[in-house]
């Protein structure tokens, strides 16, 4: 420590314990590796679809309105509502995953140089390197399970441990 007073200086030092320093270094390596993965879109359901009973109820209300001249006869109450996607197990809904794919493709088409500059920091998205599109063989090299499945989350967890520096 230096002296106080006019023109003097004072310094302080803090020593980080070795165990904390090792943990911080390991976490920074993991974070760096995860940063190379890039954006991981969600392809599961974002919003539930109407049930068949709800659709029938809306159509019934529409038909009643048309009977009193308040709507065009023979119209479809669901006109303009996109077709719901079947996610299995009786779950129907809408996903923003396809919108993400459209936006990504549009960005790459409109500005390929900027897209290439951005993408060079990450593993190629939607290529055989990141997903060989081979759902039949989970042991195939480079296989990535479908997003949103328990196998996918297990795969992501396994990849965090496989990051090389």
Protein backbone atom coordinates (compact mmCIF):
# COMPACT_ATOMS: atom_id res chain seq x y z
CA UNK A 1 0.00 0.00 0.00
CA UNK A 2 1.20 3.49 -0.81
CA UNK A 3 1.01 6.47 1.46
CA UNK A 4 -1.90 8.84 1.57
CA UNK A 5 -1.81 12.57 1.47
CA UNK A 6 -1.22 15.08 -1.31
CA UNK A 7 0.23 13.45 -4.42
CA UNK A 8 0.21 9.97 -2.86
CA UNK A 9 -1.38 6.88 -4.34
CA UNK A 10 -3.08 3.83 -2.95
CA UNK A 11 -3.51 0.39 -4.49
CA UNK A 12 -5.48 -2.67 -3.53
CA UNK A 13 -5.20 -6.21 -4.83
CA UNK A 14 -7.67 -9.05 -4.69
CA UNK A 15 -6.66 -12.64 -5.15
CA UNK A 16 -9.18 -14.98 -6.77
CA UNK A 17 -9.09 -18.49 -5.32
CA UNK A 18 -7.77 -21.15 -7.75
CA UNK A 19 -11.02 -23.17 -7.60
CA UNK A 20 -13.05 -20.08 -8.63
CA UNK A 21 -10.60 -19.17 -11.39
CA UNK A 22 -10.76 -22.73 -12.80
CA UNK A 23 -14.57 -22.66 -12.71
CA UNK A 24 -14.68 -19.27 -14.45
CA UNK A 25 -12.31 -20.45 -17.18
CA UNK A 26 -14.38 -23.62 -17.75
CA UNK A 27 -17.60 -21.58 -17.95
CA UNK A 28 -16.08 -19.12 -20.40
CA UNK A 29 -14.96 -22.01 -22.63
CA UNK A 30 -18.46 -23.47 -22.58
CA UNK A 31 -20.02 -20.09 -23.32
CA UNK A 32 -17.63 -19.55 -26.22
CA UNK A 33 -18.45 -22.96 -27.67
CA UNK A 34 -22.19 -22.43 -27.28
CA UNK A 35 -21.86 -19.07 -29.03
CA UNK A 36 -20.54 -20.87 -32.10
CA UNK A 37 -23.70 -22.96 -32.38
CA UNK A 38 -25.80 -19.99 -33.51
CA UNK A 39 -29.50 -19.35 -33.14
CA UNK A 40 -31.56 -22.43 -32.35
CA UNK A 41 -35.12 -21.88 -33.59
CA UNK A 42 -38.14 -23.48 -31.97
CA UNK A 43 -40.32 -25.50 -34.32
CA UNK A 44 -42.87 -26.72 -31.80
CA UNK A 45 -46.35 -25.26 -31.31
CA UNK A 46 -46.43 -21.59 -30.28
CA UNK A 47 -50.22 -21.27 -30.26
CA UNK A 48 -52.97 -23.87 -29.98
CA UNK A 49 -55.40 -24.26 -32.85
CA UNK A 50 -59.15 -24.12 -32.49
CA UNK A 51 -60.75 -27.42 -31.57
CA UNK A 52 -63.29 -28.96 -33.96
CA UNK A 53 -66.04 -27.96 -31.50
CA UNK A 54 -64.87 -24.34 -31.51
CA UNK A 55 -64.75 -24.33 -35.31
CA UNK A 56 -68.28 -25.77 -35.44
CA UNK A 57 -69.48 -23.16 -32.95
CA UNK A 58 -68.05 -20.33 -35.03
CA UNK A 59 -69.57 -21.77 -38.19
CA UNK A 60 -72.92 -22.08 -36.42
CA UNK A 61 -72.76 -18.43 -35.34
CA UNK A 62 -71.83 -17.46 -38.91
CA UNK A 63 -74.72 -19.47 -40.35
CA UNK A 64 -77.13 -17.84 -37.88
CA UNK A 65 -75.84 -14.39 -38.85
CA UNK A 66 -76.30 -15.20 -42.53
CA UNK A 67 -79.89 -16.37 -41.86
CA UNK A 68 -80.67 -12.83 -40.68
CA UNK A 69 -78.82 -11.17 -43.56
CA UNK A 70 -75.83 -10.15 -41.46
CA UNK A 71 -73.30 -12.27 -43.38
CA UNK A 72 -72.93 -13.76 -46.87
CA UNK A 73 -74.83 -17.06 -47.17
CA UNK A 74 -72.60 -20.12 -47.50
CA UNK A 75 -69.53 -18.39 -46.12
CA UNK A 76 -66.75 -20.03 -44.10
CA UNK A 77 -66.26 -18.77 -40.54
CA UNK A 78 -62.68 -20.04 -40.65
CA UNK A 79 -61.80 -18.20 -43.88
CA UNK A 80 -58.45 -16.50 -43.46
CA UNK A 81 -57.36 -18.68 -40.56
CA UNK A 82 -54.29 -20.70 -41.56
CA UNK A 83 -54.50 -24.46 -41.54
CA UNK A 84 -53.36 -25.88 -38.21
CA UNK A 85 -50.36 -28.19 -38.07
CA UNK A 86 -50.67 -31.61 -36.43
CA UNK A 87 -47.95 -32.04 -33.81
CA UNK A 88 -49.04 -35.55 -32.85
CA UNK A 89 -50.87 -36.85 -29.81
CA UNK A 90 -53.97 -34.86 -30.69
CA UNK A 91 -52.10 -31.55 -30.47
CA UNK A 92 -52.86 -29.11 -33.26
CA UNK A 93 -51.47 -25.61 -33.42
CA UNK A 94 -49.34 -23.04 -35.14
CA UNK A 95 -45.57 -22.67 -35.11
CA UNK A 96 -43.35 -19.73 -35.96
CA UNK A 97 -40.65 -22.13 -37.16
CA UNK A 98 -41.73 -21.91 -40.79
CA UNK A 99 -41.82 -18.11 -40.55
CA UNK A 100 -38.26 -18.19 -39.26
CA UNK A 101 -37.18 -20.30 -42.24
CA UNK A 102 -38.91 -17.91 -44.65
CA UNK A 103 -37.32 -14.87 -43.02
CA UNK A 104 -33.86 -16.47 -43.06
CA UNK A 105 -34.18 -17.42 -46.72
CA UNK A 106 -35.43 -13.92 -47.58
CA UNK A 107 -32.52 -12.31 -45.72
CA UNK A 108 -30.00 -14.53 -47.52
CA UNK A 109 -31.63 -13.80 -50.90
CA UNK A 110 -31.74 -10.03 -50.38
CA UNK A 111 -28.34 -9.60 -48.79
CA UNK A 112 -26.13 -12.63 -49.41
CA UNK A 113 -22.91 -10.84 -48.43
CA UNK A 114 -24.20 -9.81 -45.01
CA UNK A 115 -25.73 -13.25 -44.47
CA UNK A 116 -22.41 -14.91 -45.34
CA UNK A 117 -20.53 -12.56 -42.98
CA UNK A 118 -22.94 -13.39 -40.16
CA UNK A 119 -22.99 -17.12 -40.86
CA UNK A 120 -19.22 -17.52 -40.89
CA UNK A 121 -19.26 -17.18 -37.09
CA UNK A 122 -21.52 -20.22 -36.70
CA UNK A 123 -21.78 -23.81 -37.83
CA UNK A 124 -23.67 -23.95 -41.15
CA UNK A 125 -27.40 -23.87 -40.50
CA UNK A 126 -29.64 -26.44 -42.14
CA UNK A 127 -26.81 -28.35 -43.82
CA UNK A 128 -25.79 -32.01 -43.53
CA UNK A 129 -23.08 -30.86 -41.12
CA UNK A 130 -25.72 -29.78 -38.62
CA UNK A 131 -28.56 -32.08 -39.62
CA UNK A 132 -28.24 -34.86 -42.19
CA UNK A 133 -32.04 -35.11 -42.28
CA UNK A 134 -31.86 -38.80 -41.51
CA UNK A 135 -34.47 -39.39 -38.78
CA UNK A 136 -34.23 -43.16 -39.20
CA UNK A 137 -30.68 -43.51 -37.92
CA UNK A 138 -29.95 -41.73 -34.66
CA UNK A 139 -26.42 -43.16 -34.75
CA UNK A 140 -25.62 -41.59 -38.14
CA UNK A 141 -22.67 -39.18 -37.99
CA UNK A 142 -23.93 -35.64 -37.48
CA UNK A 143 -27.51 -36.72 -36.73
CA UNK A 144 -29.55 -34.05 -34.93
CA UNK A 145 -32.90 -35.20 -33.51
CA UNK A 146 -36.00 -33.15 -34.40
CA UNK A 147 -36.21 -29.90 -32.43
CA UNK A 148 -38.54 -29.89 -29.46
CA UNK A 149 -38.20 -33.61 -28.74
CA UNK A 150 -36.63 -35.02 -25.56
CA UNK A 151 -33.93 -36.57 -27.76
CA UNK A 152 -33.11 -33.12 -29.14
CA UNK A 153 -32.60 -31.62 -25.67
CA UNK A 154 -30.41 -34.57 -24.70
CA UNK A 155 -28.40 -34.06 -27.91
CA UNK A 156 -27.93 -30.33 -27.14
CA UNK A 157 -26.71 -31.19 -23.65
CA UNK A 158 -24.26 -33.72 -25.09
CA UNK A 159 -22.92 -31.15 -27.58
CA UNK A 160 -22.06 -28.69 -24.84
CA UNK A 161 -19.65 -31.29 -23.47
CA UNK A 162 -18.22 -31.97 -26.95
CA UNK A 163 -17.07 -28.41 -27.62
CA UNK A 164 -13.39 -28.37 -28.51
CA UNK A 165 -11.02 -25.47 -27.93
